[in-house]
C-alpha atoms as a PDB file:
ATOM      1  CA  PRO A   1       0.000   0.000   0.000  1.00  0.00           C
ATOM      2  CA  GLY A   2       1.856   3.040  -1.241  1.00  0.00           C
ATOM      3  CA  ALA A   3       1.858   5.584  -4.020  1.00  0.00           C
ATOM      4  CA  PRO A   4       0.452   4.102  -7.239  1.00  0.00           C
ATOM      5  CA  PRO A   5       2.849   3.578 -10.164  1.00  0.00           C
ATOM      6  CA  PRO A   6       3.258   6.538 -12.558  1.00  0.00           C
ATOM      7  CA  ALA A   7       1.544   4.566 -15.322  1.00  0.00           C
ATOM      8  CA  THR A   8      -1.566   4.012 -13.182  1.00  0.00           C
ATOM      9  CA  GLY A   9      -1.690   7.652 -12.140  1.00  0.00           C
ATOM     10  CA  THR A  10      -1.328   8.770 -15.749  1.00  0.00           C
ATOM     11  CA  THR A  11      -4.078   6.380 -16.837  1.00  0.00           C
ATOM     12  CA  HIS A  12      -6.494   7.664 -14.206  1.00  0.00           C
ATOM     13  CA  THR A  13      -5.677  11.263 -15.121  1.00  0.00           C
ATOM     14  CA  ALA A  14      -6.198  10.551 -18.824  1.00  0.00           C
ATOM     15  CA  LEU A  15      -9.533   8.869 -18.093  1.00  0.00           C
ATOM     16  CA  ALA A  16     -10.653  11.804 -15.951  1.00  0.00           C
ATOM     17  CA  VAL A  17      -9.662  14.305 -18.634  1.00  0.00           C
ATOM     18  CA  THR A  18     -11.367  12.243 -21.350  1.00  0.00           C
ATOM     19  CA  ALA A  19     -14.535  11.913 -19.267  1.00  0.00           C
ATOM     20  CA  GLY A  20     -14.571  15.661 -18.581  1.00  0.00           C
ATOM     21  CA  ALA A  21     -14.018  16.527 -22.240  1.00  0.00           C
ATOM     22  CA  GLY A  22     -16.709  14.055 -23.298  1.00  0.00           C
ATOM     23  CA  ALA A  23     -19.197  15.573 -20.849  1.00  0.00           C
ATOM     24  CA  LEU A  24     -18.448  19.083 -22.154  1.00  0.00           C
ATOM     25  CA  LEU A  25     -18.851  17.929 -25.766  1.00  0.00           C
ATOM     26  CA  LEU A  26     -22.144  16.181 -24.992  1.00  0.00           C
ATOM     27  CA  GLY A  27     -23.430  19.275 -23.189  1.00  0.00           C
ATOM     28  CA  ALA A  28     -22.454  21.498 -26.112  1.00  0.00           C
ATOM     29  CA  LEU A  29     -24.136  19.151 -28.601  1.00  0.00           C
ATOM     30  CA  VAL A  30     -27.340  19.132 -26.530  1.00  0.00           C
ATOM     31  CA  LEU A  31     -27.366  22.935 -26.321  1.00  0.00           C
ATOM     32  CA  VAL A  32     -26.745  23.270 -30.069  1.00  0.00           C
ATOM     33  CA  GLY A  33     -29.436  20.693 -30.820  1.00  0.00           C
ATOM     34  CA  ARG A  34     -31.969  22.567 -28.674  1.00  0.00           C
ATOM     35  CA  ARG A  35     -31.111  25.875 -30.328  1.00  0.00           C
ATOM     36  CA  ARG A  36     -31.424  24.374 -33.793  1.00  0.00           C
ATOM     37  CA  ARG A  37     -34.742  22.743 -32.922  1.00  0.00           C
ATOM     38  CA  ARG A  38     -36.089  26.028 -31.518  1.00  0.00           C
ATOM     39  CA  SER A  39     -34.960  28.001 -34.563  1.00  0.00           C
ATOM     40  CA  HIS A  40     -36.667  25.506 -36.868  1.00  0.00           C
END
C-alpha cells in the first residue's frame, strides 16, 4: 500500500480528462441541438 505507479496515475488522469471533455462535448451538442430545434 503506497503511491500508485506513474503509469496508473497517468491512466487515471487521462480517463478523468477524457470523461470531462466528453461531458463538455455532450453538453455542447445538446445545447446546439436545442437551439437548432427552436430556430426551426
